[in-house]
Amino acid sequence: MPRKEALDAAQAIVSECLALRIRRVDRSLSRIYDGALRPHGMTIAQLGLLTATMLSGPVQPSRLGEILNLEPSTVSRNVARMLSKGWISATAATDGRSKLLAITRRGEDLLSDALPAWRRSQKQARDLLTPKGVLVFMEVTRAFGKR
């Protein structure tokens, strides 16, 4: 039989923890987008990196991690996959120690081709969140972006 203190702690965490709830929403939304993007051979994480690379121009992987608030290992793993698929290219930076990533023509084509699938998943996610939920979500993410 669990101790009352531990049971109380577990119940409080399950009912109140914002991080656990956000992670659950994240996994649910990722499944929607990943499912839509699967026919294009990509995940929503890779789409985020590809769009950030497109909009940032030649960019260091560490800078992509900062832009998207990703762990270095996540960036490294996805960049390696994207390089192997020819969606991005890497060239030596002027400092000679780091590399710069740029989107390739193949990556640009992928972005264009995946847009309808992304739009369908975006609609599905918005419908699940409801208009009010979408507004709150956008406000919250803007607040975290200011940090």
N, C-alpha and C. Protein backbone atom coordinates (compact mmCIF):
# COMPACT_ATOMS: atom_id res chain seq x y z
N MET A 1 0.85 -1.18 0.00
CA MET A 1 0.00 0.00 0.00
C MET A 1 0.90 1.25 0.00
N PRO A 2 0.69 2.17 -0.95
CA PRO A 2 1.53 3.38 -0.99
C PRO A 2 1.30 4.26 0.25
N ARG A 3 2.38 4.97 0.60
CA ARG A 3 2.25 5.91 1.71
C ARG A 3 1.35 7.07 1.30
N LYS A 4 0.58 7.61 2.25
CA LYS A 4 -0.36 8.69 1.97
C LYS A 4 0.34 9.90 1.38
N GLU A 5 1.54 10.24 1.88
CA GLU A 5 2.27 11.41 1.38
C GLU A 5 2.62 11.23 -0.10
N ALA A 6 3.06 10.03 -0.45
CA ALA A 6 3.43 9.77 -1.84
C ALA A 6 2.20 9.78 -2.74
N LEU A 7 1.11 9.21 -2.26
CA LEU A 7 -0.14 9.20 -3.02
C LEU A 7 -0.66 10.62 -3.21
N ASP A 8 -0.60 11.43 -2.16
CA ASP A 8 -1.02 12.83 -2.26
C ASP A 8 -0.15 13.59 -3.26
N ALA A 9 1.15 13.33 -3.22
CA ALA A 9 2.08 14.00 -4.15
C ALA A 9 1.75 13.61 -5.59
N ALA A 10 1.53 12.33 -5.82
CA ALA A 10 1.22 11.86 -7.17
C ALA A 10 -0.08 12.48 -7.68
N GLN A 11 -1.09 12.54 -6.81
CA GLN A 11 -2.37 13.12 -7.22
C GLN A 11 -2.24 14.61 -7.52
N ALA A 12 -1.47 15.34 -6.72
CA ALA A 12 -1.27 16.77 -6.95
C ALA A 12 -0.54 16.99 -8.28
N ILE A 13 0.49 16.20 -8.52
CA ILE A 13 1.26 16.35 -9.76
C ILE A 13 0.39 16.06 -10.97
N VAL A 14 -0.34 14.97 -10.94
CA VAL A 14 -1.19 14.59 -12.08
C VAL A 14 -2.26 15.64 -12.34
N SER A 15 -2.84 16.20 -11.30
CA SER A 15 -3.93 17.14 -11.51
C SER A 15 -3.47 18.57 -11.79
N GLU A 16 -2.23 18.93 -11.40
CA GLU A 16 -1.81 20.32 -11.50
C GLU A 16 -0.61 20.60 -12.40
N CYS A 17 0.17 19.61 -12.75
CA CYS A 17 1.45 19.85 -13.42
C CYS A 17 1.27 20.35 -14.85
N LEU A 18 1.69 21.58 -15.08
CA LEU A 18 1.59 22.18 -16.40
C LEU A 18 2.51 21.49 -17.40
N ALA A 19 3.71 21.14 -16.99
CA ALA A 19 4.67 20.51 -17.89
C ALA A 19 4.14 19.18 -18.41
N LEU A 20 3.55 18.37 -17.53
CA LEU A 20 3.01 17.08 -17.97
C LEU A 20 1.86 17.27 -18.95
N ARG A 21 1.04 18.26 -18.70
CA ARG A 21 -0.09 18.52 -19.60
C ARG A 21 0.40 19.03 -20.96
N ILE A 22 1.37 19.93 -20.94
CA ILE A 22 1.92 20.44 -22.21
C ILE A 22 2.59 19.31 -22.98
N ARG A 23 3.30 18.43 -22.29
CA ARG A 23 3.95 17.30 -22.96
C ARG A 23 2.90 16.38 -23.61
N ARG A 24 1.77 16.19 -22.94
CA ARG A 24 0.71 15.36 -23.51
C ARG A 24 0.15 16.01 -24.77
N VAL A 25 -0.09 17.32 -24.72
CA VAL A 25 -0.57 18.04 -25.89
C VAL A 25 0.49 17.98 -27.00
N ASP A 26 1.75 18.16 -26.64
CA ASP A 26 2.84 18.10 -27.62
C ASP A 26 2.86 16.76 -28.34
N ARG A 27 2.76 15.68 -27.59
CA ARG A 27 2.78 14.35 -28.21
C ARG A 27 1.57 14.16 -29.13
N SER A 28 0.41 14.63 -28.70
CA SER A 28 -0.79 14.50 -29.53
C SER A 28 -0.67 15.31 -30.82
N LEU A 29 -0.21 16.53 -30.71
CA LEU A 29 -0.05 17.36 -31.91
C LEU A 29 1.05 16.81 -32.81
N SER A 30 2.14 16.33 -32.22
CA SER A 30 3.21 15.76 -33.03
C SER A 30 2.72 14.56 -33.83
N ARG A 31 1.87 13.74 -33.22
CA ARG A 31 1.32 12.59 -33.95
C ARG A 31 0.51 13.05 -35.17
N ILE A 32 -0.26 14.12 -35.02
CA ILE A 32 -1.05 14.64 -36.13
C ILE A 32 -0.13 15.09 -37.26
N TYR A 33 0.83 15.96 -36.93
CA TYR A 33 1.72 16.50 -37.96
C TYR A 33 2.64 15.43 -38.53
N ASP A 34 3.18 14.58 -37.69
CA ASP A 34 4.07 13.51 -38.18
C ASP A 34 3.32 12.58 -39.12
N GLY A 35 2.07 12.27 -38.80
CA GLY A 35 1.28 11.42 -39.67
C GLY A 35 1.05 12.05 -41.03
N ALA A 36 0.79 13.34 -41.04
CA ALA A 36 0.56 14.04 -42.31
C ALA A 36 1.85 14.16 -43.13
N LEU A 37 2.97 14.32 -42.44
CA LEU A 37 4.25 14.53 -43.13
C LEU A 37 4.96 13.23 -43.49
N ARG A 38 4.52 12.12 -42.92
CA ARG A 38 5.17 10.83 -43.16
C ARG A 38 5.31 10.50 -44.65
N PRO A 39 4.28 10.73 -45.48
CA PRO A 39 4.44 10.43 -46.90
C PRO A 39 5.55 11.24 -47.57
N HIS A 40 5.94 12.33 -46.95
CA HIS A 40 7.03 13.16 -47.48
C HIS A 40 8.38 12.77 -46.88
N GLY A 41 8.36 11.77 -46.00
CA GLY A 41 9.59 11.27 -45.41
C GLY A 41 10.17 12.16 -44.33
N MET A 42 9.33 12.99 -43.71
CA MET A 42 9.84 13.90 -42.69
C MET A 42 8.94 13.93 -41.47
N THR A 43 9.47 14.51 -40.40
CA THR A 43 8.73 14.71 -39.15
C THR A 43 8.51 16.20 -38.94
N ILE A 44 7.65 16.53 -38.00
CA ILE A 44 7.42 17.94 -37.69
C ILE A 44 8.69 18.58 -37.14
N ALA A 45 9.52 17.83 -36.42
CA ALA A 45 10.78 18.38 -35.92
C ALA A 45 11.69 18.75 -37.08
N GLN A 46 11.75 17.90 -38.09
CA GLN A 46 12.58 18.19 -39.25
C GLN A 46 12.01 19.35 -40.06
N LEU A 47 10.69 19.43 -40.14
CA LEU A 47 10.07 20.56 -40.84
C LEU A 47 10.43 21.87 -40.14
N GLY A 48 10.42 21.87 -38.81
CA GLY A 48 10.80 23.07 -38.07
C GLY A 48 12.24 23.48 -38.35
N LEU A 49 13.13 22.51 -38.37
CA LEU A 49 14.53 22.80 -38.67
C LEU A 49 14.70 23.27 -40.11
N LEU A 50 13.98 22.65 -41.02
CA LEU A 50 14.09 23.03 -42.43
C LEU A 50 13.58 24.45 -42.65
N THR A 51 12.45 24.80 -42.05
CA THR A 51 11.92 26.16 -42.21
C THR A 51 12.83 27.18 -41.55
N ALA A 52 13.38 26.84 -40.40
CA ALA A 52 14.31 27.77 -39.73
C ALA A 52 15.57 27.96 -40.57
N THR A 53 16.04 26.90 -41.21
CA THR A 53 17.21 27.00 -42.08
C THR A 53 16.88 27.88 -43.28
N MET A 54 15.71 27.67 -43.85
CA MET A 54 15.28 28.47 -45.00
C MET A 54 15.23 29.95 -44.65
N LEU A 55 14.65 30.27 -43.51
CA LEU A 55 14.45 31.66 -43.13
C LEU A 55 15.70 32.33 -42.55
N SER A 56 16.65 31.53 -42.08
CA SER A 56 17.85 32.08 -41.46
C SER A 56 19.01 32.23 -42.44
N GLY A 57 18.89 31.61 -43.59
CA GLY A 57 20.01 31.62 -44.52
C GLY A 57 21.09 30.71 -43.99
N PRO A 58 22.30 30.79 -44.51
CA PRO A 58 23.36 29.94 -43.95
C PRO A 58 23.46 30.16 -42.45
N VAL A 59 23.34 29.07 -41.70
CA VAL A 59 23.22 29.18 -40.25
C VAL A 59 23.97 28.04 -39.57
N GLN A 60 24.56 28.34 -38.45
CA GLN A 60 25.24 27.30 -37.67
C GLN A 60 24.19 26.43 -36.97
N PRO A 61 24.46 25.14 -36.85
CA PRO A 61 23.50 24.25 -36.16
C PRO A 61 23.18 24.74 -34.74
N SER A 62 24.17 25.27 -34.05
CA SER A 62 23.91 25.75 -32.68
C SER A 62 22.92 26.90 -32.69
N ARG A 63 22.98 27.73 -33.71
CA ARG A 63 22.04 28.85 -33.81
C ARG A 63 20.62 28.32 -34.07
N LEU A 64 20.51 27.26 -34.88
CA LEU A 64 19.19 26.65 -35.09
C LEU A 64 18.61 26.16 -33.77
N GLY A 65 19.47 25.54 -32.96
CA GLY A 65 19.03 25.08 -31.65
C GLY A 65 18.52 26.22 -30.78
N GLU A 66 19.22 27.35 -30.84
CA GLU A 66 18.78 28.52 -30.07
C GLU A 66 17.45 29.05 -30.58
N ILE A 67 17.32 29.15 -31.90
CA ILE A 67 16.09 29.67 -32.50
C ILE A 67 14.90 28.82 -32.11
N LEU A 68 15.08 27.50 -32.16
CA LEU A 68 13.97 26.58 -31.93
C LEU A 68 13.92 26.03 -30.51
N ASN A 69 14.85 26.46 -29.67
CA ASN A 69 14.92 26.02 -28.27
C ASN A 69 15.05 24.49 -28.20
N LEU A 70 16.01 23.95 -28.95
CA LEU A 70 16.24 22.51 -29.00
C LEU A 70 17.57 22.14 -28.37
N GLU A 71 17.62 20.96 -27.83
CA GLU A 71 18.87 20.42 -27.28
C GLU A 71 19.84 20.15 -28.44
N PRO A 72 21.14 20.33 -28.19
CA PRO A 72 22.12 20.06 -29.25
C PRO A 72 22.02 18.67 -29.85
N SER A 73 21.73 17.65 -29.03
CA SER A 73 21.63 16.28 -29.56
C SER A 73 20.45 16.15 -30.52
N THR A 74 19.35 16.85 -30.25
CA THR A 74 18.18 16.82 -31.14
C THR A 74 18.52 17.47 -32.47
N VAL A 75 19.19 18.61 -32.40
CA VAL A 75 19.61 19.30 -33.64
C VAL A 75 20.55 18.41 -34.42
N SER A 76 21.56 17.87 -33.75
CA SER A 76 22.58 17.04 -34.41
C SER A 76 21.95 15.84 -35.10
N ARG A 77 21.08 15.14 -34.41
CA ARG A 77 20.44 13.94 -34.95
C ARG A 77 19.61 14.28 -36.20
N ASN A 78 18.80 15.33 -36.11
CA ASN A 78 17.94 15.69 -37.23
C ASN A 78 18.73 16.31 -38.39
N VAL A 79 19.74 17.09 -38.08
CA VAL A 79 20.58 17.66 -39.14
C VAL A 79 21.27 16.54 -39.91
N ALA A 80 21.77 15.53 -39.21
CA ALA A 80 22.42 14.40 -39.89
C ALA A 80 21.45 13.72 -40.85
N ARG A 81 20.22 13.52 -40.43
CA ARG A 81 19.21 12.90 -41.31
C ARG A 81 18.90 13.79 -42.50
N MET A 82 18.79 15.07 -42.25
CA MET A 82 18.45 16.01 -43.32
C MET A 82 19.59 16.16 -44.32
N LEU A 83 20.82 16.11 -43.83
CA LEU A 83 21.97 16.13 -44.74
C LEU A 83 21.99 14.87 -45.60
N SER A 84 21.73 13.72 -44.99
CA SER A 84 21.77 12.46 -45.74
C SER A 84 20.66 12.39 -46.80
N LYS A 85 19.55 13.09 -46.56
CA LYS A 85 18.45 13.11 -47.52
C LYS A 85 18.62 14.23 -48.56
N GLY A 86 19.64 15.05 -48.38
CA GLY A 86 19.90 16.11 -49.35
C GLY A 86 19.01 17.33 -49.23
N TRP A 87 18.34 17.49 -48.08
CA TRP A 87 17.45 18.63 -47.89
C TRP A 87 18.22 19.89 -47.51
N ILE A 88 19.37 19.70 -46.88
CA ILE A 88 20.24 20.81 -46.51
C ILE A 88 21.67 20.44 -46.90
N SER A 89 22.52 21.45 -46.97
CA SER A 89 23.93 21.21 -47.22
C SER A 89 24.73 21.89 -46.11
N ALA A 90 25.97 21.46 -45.95
CA ALA A 90 26.84 22.04 -44.92
C ALA A 90 28.13 22.49 -45.58
N THR A 91 28.54 23.69 -45.24
CA THR A 91 29.83 24.20 -45.70
C THR A 91 30.59 24.72 -44.49
N ALA A 92 31.89 24.79 -44.63
CA ALA A 92 32.73 25.29 -43.53
C ALA A 92 32.47 26.78 -43.34
N ALA A 93 32.36 27.17 -42.09
CA ALA A 93 32.22 28.59 -41.75
C ALA A 93 33.57 29.26 -41.89
N THR A 94 33.58 30.58 -41.92
CA THR A 94 34.83 31.31 -42.09
C THR A 94 35.81 31.08 -40.94
N ASP A 95 35.30 30.69 -39.77
CA ASP A 95 36.20 30.43 -38.65
C ASP A 95 36.92 29.09 -38.80
N GLY A 96 36.47 28.26 -39.76
CA GLY A 96 37.12 26.99 -40.00
C GLY A 96 36.79 25.90 -38.99
N ARG A 97 36.11 26.25 -37.93
CA ARG A 97 35.81 25.27 -36.87
C ARG A 97 34.38 24.80 -36.90
N SER A 98 33.49 25.59 -37.43
CA SER A 98 32.08 25.22 -37.43
C SER A 98 31.58 25.11 -38.86
N LYS A 99 30.33 24.66 -38.97
CA LYS A 99 29.75 24.55 -40.30
C LYS A 99 28.50 25.41 -40.40
N LEU A 100 28.19 25.76 -41.62
CA LEU A 100 26.98 26.52 -41.91
C LEU A 100 26.04 25.65 -42.71
N LEU A 101 24.79 25.66 -42.32
CA LEU A 101 23.78 24.87 -43.00
C LEU A 101 22.95 25.78 -43.90
N ALA A 102 22.59 25.24 -45.06
CA ALA A 102 21.73 25.97 -45.99
C ALA A 102 20.76 24.98 -46.61
N ILE A 103 19.59 25.47 -46.93
CA ILE A 103 18.60 24.61 -47.58
C ILE A 103 19.03 24.38 -49.03
N THR A 104 18.78 23.20 -49.53
CA THR A 104 19.09 22.87 -50.92
C THR A 104 17.83 23.01 -51.77
N ARG A 105 18.01 22.89 -53.06
CA ARG A 105 16.84 22.92 -53.96
C ARG A 105 15.88 21.77 -53.60
N ARG A 106 16.45 20.63 -53.28
CA ARG A 106 15.62 19.49 -52.88
C ARG A 106 14.82 19.82 -51.62
N GLY A 107 15.45 20.52 -50.67
CA GLY A 107 14.76 20.94 -49.46
C GLY A 107 13.67 21.96 -49.74
N GLU A 108 13.95 22.88 -50.66
CA GLU A 108 12.93 23.85 -51.06
C GLU A 108 11.74 23.15 -51.70
N ASP A 109 12.02 22.18 -52.57
CA ASP A 109 10.95 21.42 -53.21
C ASP A 109 10.12 20.67 -52.17
N LEU A 110 10.81 20.11 -51.18
CA LEU A 110 10.12 19.38 -50.12
C LEU A 110 9.18 20.31 -49.35
N LEU A 111 9.65 21.51 -49.02
CA LEU A 111 8.79 22.47 -48.32
C LEU A 111 7.53 22.75 -49.12
N SER A 112 7.71 23.00 -50.41
CA SER A 112 6.55 23.28 -51.26
C SER A 112 5.62 22.08 -51.35
N ASP A 113 6.19 20.90 -51.53
CA ASP A 113 5.38 19.69 -51.68
C ASP A 113 4.64 19.33 -50.38
N ALA A 114 5.26 19.60 -49.24
CA ALA A 114 4.67 19.23 -47.95
C ALA A 114 3.63 20.23 -47.45
N LEU A 115 3.56 21.40 -48.07
CA LEU A 115 2.66 22.44 -47.58
C LEU A 115 1.20 21.98 -47.49
N PRO A 116 0.62 21.32 -48.49
CA PRO A 116 -0.77 20.88 -48.34
C PRO A 116 -0.98 19.92 -47.16
N ALA A 117 -0.05 19.00 -46.94
CA ALA A 117 -0.15 18.08 -45.81
C ALA A 117 -0.05 18.85 -44.50
N TRP A 118 0.85 19.82 -44.45
CA TRP A 118 0.98 20.65 -43.25
C TRP A 118 -0.32 21.42 -43.00
N ARG A 119 -0.90 21.97 -44.07
CA ARG A 119 -2.15 22.73 -43.92
C ARG A 119 -3.27 21.84 -43.36
N ARG A 120 -3.36 20.60 -43.84
CA ARG A 120 -4.39 19.67 -43.32
C ARG A 120 -4.17 19.39 -41.84
N SER A 121 -2.91 19.15 -41.46
CA SER A 121 -2.64 18.87 -40.05
C SER A 121 -2.84 20.12 -39.20
N GLN A 122 -2.54 21.27 -39.76
CA GLN A 122 -2.75 22.53 -39.05
C GLN A 122 -4.25 22.71 -38.77
N LYS A 123 -5.09 22.43 -39.75
CA LYS A 123 -6.54 22.55 -39.56
C LYS A 123 -7.02 21.56 -38.49
N GLN A 124 -6.52 20.35 -38.56
CA GLN A 124 -6.92 19.34 -37.57
C GLN A 124 -6.51 19.78 -36.16
N ALA A 125 -5.30 20.30 -36.02
CA ALA A 125 -4.81 20.76 -34.71
C ALA A 125 -5.64 21.94 -34.22
N ARG A 126 -5.93 22.89 -35.10
CA ARG A 126 -6.73 24.05 -34.71
C ARG A 126 -8.14 23.63 -34.30
N ASP A 127 -8.71 22.68 -35.02
CA ASP A 127 -10.05 22.20 -34.66
C ASP A 127 -10.04 21.55 -33.28
N LEU A 128 -9.01 20.78 -32.97
CA LEU A 128 -8.92 20.13 -31.66
C LEU A 128 -8.72 21.15 -30.54
N LEU A 129 -7.90 22.16 -30.80
CA LEU A 129 -7.61 23.16 -29.77
C LEU A 129 -8.75 24.16 -29.58
N THR A 130 -9.60 24.32 -30.56
CA THR A 130 -10.67 25.31 -30.62
C THR A 130 -10.08 26.71 -30.84
N PRO A 131 -10.86 27.63 -31.39
CA PRO A 131 -10.32 28.98 -31.63
C PRO A 131 -9.78 29.64 -30.36
N LYS A 132 -10.50 29.49 -29.26
CA LYS A 132 -10.03 30.09 -28.00
C LYS A 132 -8.72 29.46 -27.56
N GLY A 133 -8.62 28.14 -27.66
CA GLY A 133 -7.39 27.45 -27.29
C GLY A 133 -6.21 27.87 -28.15
N VAL A 134 -6.45 28.07 -29.45
CA VAL A 134 -5.39 28.51 -30.35
C VAL A 134 -4.88 29.88 -29.91
N LEU A 135 -5.80 30.79 -29.60
CA LEU A 135 -5.39 32.14 -29.16
C LEU A 135 -4.55 32.07 -27.89
N VAL A 136 -5.00 31.30 -26.93
CA VAL A 136 -4.26 31.16 -25.67
C VAL A 136 -2.89 30.55 -25.95
N PHE A 137 -2.86 29.51 -26.76
CA PHE A 137 -1.60 28.85 -27.10
C PHE A 137 -0.62 29.82 -27.76
N MET A 138 -1.11 30.63 -28.69
CA MET A 138 -0.24 31.60 -29.37
C MET A 138 0.28 32.66 -28.37
N GLU A 139 -0.57 33.10 -27.46
CA GLU A 139 -0.14 34.07 -26.45
C GLU A 139 0.93 33.48 -25.55
N VAL A 140 0.73 32.27 -25.11
CA VAL A 140 1.70 31.60 -24.22
C VAL A 140 3.04 31.43 -24.93
N THR A 141 3.01 30.98 -26.18
CA THR A 141 4.27 30.76 -26.89
C THR A 141 4.98 32.08 -27.17
N ARG A 142 4.23 33.14 -27.41
CA ARG A 142 4.88 34.46 -27.58
C ARG A 142 5.55 34.89 -26.28
N ALA A 143 4.90 34.66 -25.15
CA ALA A 143 5.48 35.03 -23.86
C ALA A 143 6.79 34.26 -23.62
N PHE A 144 6.84 33.00 -23.97
CA PHE A 144 8.06 32.22 -23.78
C PHE A 144 9.12 32.62 -24.78
N GLY A 145 8.72 33.09 -25.95
CA GLY A 145 9.67 33.54 -26.95
C GLY A 145 10.41 34.80 -26.55
N LYS A 146 9.87 35.56 -25.61
CA LYS A 146 10.50 36.80 -25.14
C LYS A 146 11.60 36.56 -24.15
N ARG A 147 11.74 35.32 -23.70
CA ARG A 147 12.74 35.02 -22.67
C ARG A 147 14.11 35.01 -23.25
